[in-house]
N, C-alpha and C. Protein backbone atom coordinates (compact mmCIF):
# COMPACT_ATOMS: atom_id res chain seq x y z
N MET A 1 -67.94 71.79 342.77
CA MET A 1 -67.03 72.33 341.77
C MET A 1 -67.83 73.16 340.76
N VAL A 2 -67.32 74.30 340.40
CA VAL A 2 -67.99 75.19 339.47
C VAL A 2 -67.67 74.77 338.05
N ASN A 3 -68.70 74.71 337.23
CA ASN A 3 -68.53 74.35 335.83
C ASN A 3 -67.84 75.51 335.10
N PRO A 4 -66.66 75.29 334.48
CA PRO A 4 -65.95 76.39 333.81
C PRO A 4 -66.73 76.95 332.62
N CYS A 5 -67.59 76.16 332.03
CA CYS A 5 -68.36 76.65 330.88
C CYS A 5 -69.43 77.65 331.31
N SER A 6 -69.87 77.60 332.57
CA SER A 6 -70.89 78.54 333.01
C SER A 6 -70.37 79.97 332.95
N TYR A 7 -69.09 80.17 333.20
CA TYR A 7 -68.51 81.50 333.08
C TYR A 7 -68.53 81.98 331.63
N ARG A 8 -68.27 81.05 330.70
CA ARG A 8 -68.31 81.41 329.28
C ARG A 8 -69.71 81.85 328.88
N TRP A 9 -70.71 81.08 329.32
CA TRP A 9 -72.09 81.44 328.98
C TRP A 9 -72.46 82.79 329.59
N ALA A 10 -72.04 83.03 330.81
CA ALA A 10 -72.36 84.31 331.45
C ALA A 10 -71.71 85.46 330.69
N LEU A 11 -70.47 85.28 330.29
CA LEU A 11 -69.76 86.31 329.54
C LEU A 11 -70.42 86.54 328.18
N LEU A 12 -70.74 85.46 327.47
CA LEU A 12 -71.40 85.59 326.18
C LEU A 12 -72.77 86.24 326.31
N LEU A 13 -73.51 85.88 327.34
CA LEU A 13 -74.82 86.47 327.57
C LEU A 13 -74.69 87.96 327.84
N TRP A 14 -73.78 88.35 328.72
CA TRP A 14 -73.58 89.77 329.02
C TRP A 14 -73.16 90.52 327.76
N PHE A 15 -72.19 89.96 327.03
CA PHE A 15 -71.68 90.60 325.83
C PHE A 15 -72.79 90.75 324.80
N GLY A 16 -73.60 89.72 324.64
CA GLY A 16 -74.69 89.75 323.68
C GLY A 16 -75.75 90.77 324.03
N LEU A 17 -76.00 90.98 325.31
CA LEU A 17 -77.01 91.95 325.73
C LEU A 17 -76.51 93.38 325.67
N HIS A 18 -75.21 93.58 325.72
CA HIS A 18 -74.66 94.93 325.78
C HIS A 18 -73.97 95.40 324.51
N THR A 19 -73.99 94.60 323.46
CA THR A 19 -73.38 95.00 322.20
C THR A 19 -74.32 94.65 321.06
N LYS A 20 -74.05 95.21 319.91
CA LYS A 20 -74.85 94.91 318.72
C LYS A 20 -73.96 94.34 317.64
N ILE A 21 -73.19 93.34 317.99
CA ILE A 21 -72.29 92.71 317.04
C ILE A 21 -72.99 91.50 316.44
N GLY A 22 -72.99 91.40 315.14
CA GLY A 22 -73.66 90.31 314.46
C GLY A 22 -72.74 89.16 314.14
N TRP A 23 -72.20 88.51 315.13
CA TRP A 23 -71.33 87.36 314.89
C TRP A 23 -71.80 86.20 315.74
N ALA A 24 -71.38 85.04 315.35
CA ALA A 24 -71.70 83.84 316.11
C ALA A 24 -70.71 82.76 315.74
N GLN A 25 -70.62 81.78 316.58
CA GLN A 25 -69.82 80.60 316.23
C GLN A 25 -70.69 79.40 316.48
N LYS A 26 -70.79 78.55 315.49
CA LYS A 26 -71.56 77.33 315.61
C LYS A 26 -70.69 76.19 315.13
N GLY A 27 -70.48 75.21 315.98
CA GLY A 27 -69.59 74.13 315.61
C GLY A 27 -68.19 74.66 315.43
N CYS A 28 -67.61 74.38 314.28
CA CYS A 28 -66.24 74.85 314.05
C CYS A 28 -66.19 76.03 313.10
N PHE A 29 -67.33 76.58 312.70
CA PHE A 29 -67.36 77.75 311.81
C PHE A 29 -67.49 79.03 312.62
N SER A 30 -66.86 80.09 312.12
CA SER A 30 -67.01 81.43 312.70
C SER A 30 -67.63 82.31 311.63
N TYR A 31 -68.48 83.21 312.07
CA TYR A 31 -69.21 84.07 311.14
C TYR A 31 -68.77 85.51 311.29
N ASN A 32 -68.63 86.19 310.14
CA ASN A 32 -68.27 87.60 310.07
C ASN A 32 -66.83 87.87 310.52
N TYR A 33 -65.95 86.95 310.16
CA TYR A 33 -64.51 87.11 310.35
C TYR A 33 -63.83 86.87 309.01
N GLN A 34 -62.61 87.32 308.88
CA GLN A 34 -61.81 87.07 307.69
C GLN A 34 -60.36 86.88 308.09
N PHE A 35 -59.54 86.44 307.14
CA PHE A 35 -58.14 86.19 307.42
C PHE A 35 -57.28 87.35 306.94
N SER A 36 -56.23 87.63 307.71
CA SER A 36 -55.28 88.67 307.36
C SER A 36 -53.88 88.09 307.50
N PRO A 37 -53.01 88.25 306.51
CA PRO A 37 -53.25 88.94 305.26
C PRO A 37 -54.29 88.20 304.41
N ALA A 38 -54.99 88.96 303.58
CA ALA A 38 -56.08 88.40 302.78
C ALA A 38 -55.55 87.41 301.76
N PRO A 39 -56.26 86.31 301.56
CA PRO A 39 -55.86 85.34 300.53
C PRO A 39 -55.94 85.99 299.15
N THR A 40 -55.08 85.57 298.25
CA THR A 40 -55.03 86.20 296.93
C THR A 40 -55.80 85.42 295.88
N SER A 41 -55.90 84.12 295.99
CA SER A 41 -56.61 83.34 294.98
C SER A 41 -57.97 82.91 295.52
N SER A 42 -58.94 82.86 294.61
CA SER A 42 -60.28 82.48 295.04
C SER A 42 -60.89 81.46 294.10
N LEU A 43 -61.86 80.76 294.62
CA LEU A 43 -62.65 79.78 293.87
C LEU A 43 -64.11 80.17 294.05
N THR A 44 -65.00 79.47 293.40
CA THR A 44 -66.42 79.67 293.68
C THR A 44 -66.97 78.38 294.28
N ALA A 45 -67.98 78.54 295.13
CA ALA A 45 -68.61 77.39 295.78
C ALA A 45 -70.10 77.68 295.95
N GLU A 46 -70.88 76.63 295.92
CA GLU A 46 -72.33 76.76 296.11
C GLU A 46 -72.70 77.09 297.55
N ASP A 47 -71.92 76.54 298.49
CA ASP A 47 -72.20 76.78 299.90
C ASP A 47 -70.93 76.58 300.72
N VAL A 48 -71.04 76.79 302.02
CA VAL A 48 -69.88 76.74 302.90
C VAL A 48 -69.28 75.33 302.97
N LEU A 49 -70.09 74.30 302.91
CA LEU A 49 -69.56 72.94 302.98
C LEU A 49 -68.75 72.59 301.74
N GLU A 50 -69.18 73.08 300.58
CA GLU A 50 -68.40 72.87 299.37
C GLU A 50 -67.06 73.61 299.45
N CYS A 51 -67.07 74.80 300.02
CA CYS A 51 -65.83 75.56 300.19
C CYS A 51 -64.88 74.81 301.12
N GLN A 52 -65.41 74.26 302.20
CA GLN A 52 -64.58 73.49 303.13
C GLN A 52 -64.00 72.26 302.42
N ARG A 53 -64.80 71.62 301.58
CA ARG A 53 -64.32 70.45 300.83
C ARG A 53 -63.20 70.85 299.87
N LYS A 54 -63.35 72.01 299.21
CA LYS A 54 -62.30 72.48 298.30
C LYS A 54 -61.01 72.76 299.06
N CYS A 55 -61.14 73.24 300.29
CA CYS A 55 -59.95 73.46 301.12
C CYS A 55 -59.26 72.13 301.42
N ARG A 56 -60.04 71.12 301.79
CA ARG A 56 -59.46 69.80 302.08
C ARG A 56 -58.72 69.24 300.87
N GLU A 57 -59.22 69.55 299.68
CA GLU A 57 -58.64 69.01 298.46
C GLU A 57 -57.47 69.85 297.93
N SER A 58 -57.24 71.02 298.52
CA SER A 58 -56.16 71.91 298.05
C SER A 58 -54.90 71.72 298.88
N ALA A 59 -53.78 71.56 298.22
CA ALA A 59 -52.50 71.40 298.91
C ALA A 59 -52.17 72.66 299.69
N GLY A 60 -51.79 72.50 300.94
CA GLY A 60 -51.38 73.61 301.78
C GLY A 60 -52.50 74.36 302.47
N CYS A 61 -53.74 74.01 302.18
CA CYS A 61 -54.87 74.71 302.80
C CYS A 61 -55.07 74.24 304.23
N GLU A 62 -55.18 75.17 305.15
CA GLU A 62 -55.46 74.87 306.55
C GLU A 62 -56.82 75.40 306.99
N HIS A 63 -57.26 76.51 306.37
CA HIS A 63 -58.54 77.14 306.69
C HIS A 63 -59.19 77.61 305.39
N PHE A 64 -60.46 77.97 305.49
CA PHE A 64 -61.15 78.53 304.34
C PHE A 64 -61.96 79.74 304.78
N MET A 65 -62.32 80.56 303.79
CA MET A 65 -63.19 81.71 304.02
C MET A 65 -64.21 81.73 302.88
N TYR A 66 -65.48 81.78 303.22
CA TYR A 66 -66.55 81.75 302.23
C TYR A 66 -67.42 82.98 302.41
N TRP A 67 -67.69 83.68 301.30
CA TRP A 67 -68.58 84.84 301.31
C TRP A 67 -69.91 84.42 300.71
N LYS A 68 -70.96 84.41 301.53
CA LYS A 68 -72.28 83.94 301.10
C LYS A 68 -72.85 84.75 299.95
N SER A 69 -72.68 86.06 299.96
CA SER A 69 -73.30 86.92 298.95
C SER A 69 -72.75 86.69 297.54
N SER A 70 -71.47 86.40 297.42
CA SER A 70 -70.86 86.24 296.11
C SER A 70 -70.52 84.79 295.76
N GLY A 71 -70.52 83.91 296.74
CA GLY A 71 -70.13 82.52 296.50
C GLY A 71 -68.62 82.35 296.36
N MET A 72 -67.86 83.37 296.76
CA MET A 72 -66.40 83.30 296.67
C MET A 72 -65.85 82.44 297.81
N CYS A 73 -64.93 81.57 297.46
CA CYS A 73 -64.31 80.65 298.42
C CYS A 73 -62.81 80.86 298.37
N PHE A 74 -62.22 81.15 299.51
CA PHE A 74 -60.78 81.37 299.60
C PHE A 74 -60.16 80.24 300.42
N VAL A 75 -59.12 79.63 299.90
CA VAL A 75 -58.37 78.64 300.66
C VAL A 75 -57.20 79.36 301.31
N VAL A 76 -56.97 79.08 302.57
CA VAL A 76 -56.02 79.86 303.36
C VAL A 76 -54.97 78.93 303.95
N SER A 77 -53.71 79.29 303.80
CA SER A 77 -52.62 78.49 304.36
C SER A 77 -52.38 78.88 305.82
N ALA A 78 -51.50 78.17 306.47
CA ALA A 78 -51.14 78.47 307.86
C ALA A 78 -50.41 79.81 307.91
N GLY A 79 -50.40 80.42 309.09
CA GLY A 79 -49.66 81.66 309.27
C GLY A 79 -50.48 82.91 309.04
N THR A 80 -51.79 82.79 308.96
CA THR A 80 -52.66 83.96 308.82
C THR A 80 -53.42 84.18 310.12
N ASN A 81 -53.91 85.38 310.30
CA ASN A 81 -54.65 85.72 311.51
C ASN A 81 -56.13 85.91 311.19
N LEU A 82 -56.97 85.47 312.11
CA LEU A 82 -58.41 85.65 311.98
C LEU A 82 -58.77 87.00 312.61
N VAL A 83 -59.38 87.88 311.81
CA VAL A 83 -59.76 89.21 312.28
C VAL A 83 -61.22 89.47 311.95
N ARG A 84 -61.81 90.40 312.66
CA ARG A 84 -63.20 90.78 312.44
C ARG A 84 -63.36 91.38 311.05
N ALA A 85 -64.37 90.93 310.30
CA ALA A 85 -64.63 91.47 308.96
C ALA A 85 -65.35 92.80 309.07
N ALA A 86 -65.02 93.73 308.18
CA ALA A 86 -65.68 95.04 308.17
C ALA A 86 -67.11 94.92 307.65
N VAL A 87 -67.39 93.90 306.84
CA VAL A 87 -68.70 93.68 306.26
C VAL A 87 -69.19 92.29 306.68
N GLU A 88 -70.45 92.18 307.05
CA GLU A 88 -70.99 90.88 307.44
C GLU A 88 -71.21 89.99 306.23
N GLY A 89 -71.20 88.68 306.46
CA GLY A 89 -71.51 87.74 305.40
C GLY A 89 -70.47 86.68 305.15
N SER A 90 -69.40 86.66 305.92
CA SER A 90 -68.35 85.66 305.71
C SER A 90 -68.51 84.51 306.70
N VAL A 91 -68.04 83.34 306.26
CA VAL A 91 -67.97 82.16 307.11
C VAL A 91 -66.55 81.63 306.99
N THR A 92 -65.89 81.41 308.12
CA THR A 92 -64.53 80.88 308.12
C THR A 92 -64.50 79.59 308.93
N GLY A 93 -63.51 78.76 308.64
CA GLY A 93 -63.37 77.53 309.41
C GLY A 93 -62.14 76.75 309.00
N PRO A 94 -61.86 75.67 309.72
CA PRO A 94 -60.72 74.81 309.39
C PRO A 94 -61.07 73.86 308.25
N LYS A 95 -60.04 73.25 307.68
CA LYS A 95 -60.30 72.31 306.58
C LYS A 95 -61.07 71.08 307.05
N VAL A 96 -60.93 70.72 308.32
CA VAL A 96 -61.65 69.60 308.90
C VAL A 96 -62.17 70.01 310.28
N CYS A 97 -63.45 69.81 310.53
CA CYS A 97 -64.00 70.07 311.86
C CYS A 97 -63.67 68.89 312.75
N LYS A 98 -63.15 69.19 313.91
CA LYS A 98 -62.81 68.13 314.86
C LYS A 98 -64.06 67.78 315.66
N GLU A 99 -64.36 66.53 315.77
CA GLU A 99 -65.50 66.04 316.54
C GLU A 99 -64.98 65.15 317.64
N PRO A 100 -65.65 64.91 318.67
CA PRO A 100 -66.90 65.57 319.03
C PRO A 100 -66.62 66.87 319.78
N PHE A 101 -67.60 67.75 319.82
CA PHE A 101 -67.48 68.97 320.59
C PHE A 101 -67.73 68.64 322.06
N ASP A 102 -67.22 69.46 322.94
CA ASP A 102 -67.42 69.27 324.36
C ASP A 102 -68.91 69.45 324.67
N PRO A 103 -69.63 68.40 325.06
CA PRO A 103 -71.07 68.52 325.28
C PRO A 103 -71.41 69.46 326.43
N VAL A 104 -70.51 69.61 327.38
CA VAL A 104 -70.78 70.51 328.49
C VAL A 104 -70.81 71.94 328.00
N CYS A 105 -69.88 72.30 327.13
CA CYS A 105 -69.83 73.67 326.63
C CYS A 105 -70.84 73.92 325.53
N GLU A 106 -71.44 72.90 324.97
CA GLU A 106 -72.47 73.07 323.97
C GLU A 106 -73.86 73.07 324.58
N ALA A 107 -73.95 72.78 325.89
CA ALA A 107 -75.25 72.72 326.56
C ALA A 107 -75.87 74.11 326.63
N THR A 108 -77.19 74.16 326.50
CA THR A 108 -77.91 75.42 326.64
C THR A 108 -78.21 75.64 328.11
N PRO A 109 -77.83 76.81 328.62
CA PRO A 109 -78.07 77.06 330.04
C PRO A 109 -79.56 77.19 330.36
N ASP A 110 -79.94 76.67 331.51
CA ASP A 110 -81.31 76.81 331.97
C ASP A 110 -81.26 77.13 333.47
N PHE A 111 -82.37 77.02 334.16
CA PHE A 111 -82.40 77.40 335.57
C PHE A 111 -81.49 76.54 336.43
N GLY A 112 -81.25 75.28 336.06
CA GLY A 112 -80.41 74.39 336.84
C GLY A 112 -78.95 74.39 336.41
N PHE A 113 -78.58 75.23 335.46
CA PHE A 113 -77.22 75.21 334.89
C PHE A 113 -76.20 75.69 335.89
């Protein structure tokens, strides 16, 4: 049986070698994306984990968006779309990261993969 995650790795590897896009996803965070329509109210946070905590503590918040350069933290309600940011430096994610991640899809490919 073919591992379905191997196709994902192959696609990501090809895409990474043939494009110059500076994005990544690690765990439940996405980098260099933003929400549309843009959130209107903002808070400040020291880091992305504090922004995620502020989202958990805010009524109606489902996702957050954190800008590393300014420390701006946006709490985002349901019904918004995640789109590519025109400027790098944002981190987005849900109010709670679901654990555990699929260990098969988190495995690093090697010669035996």
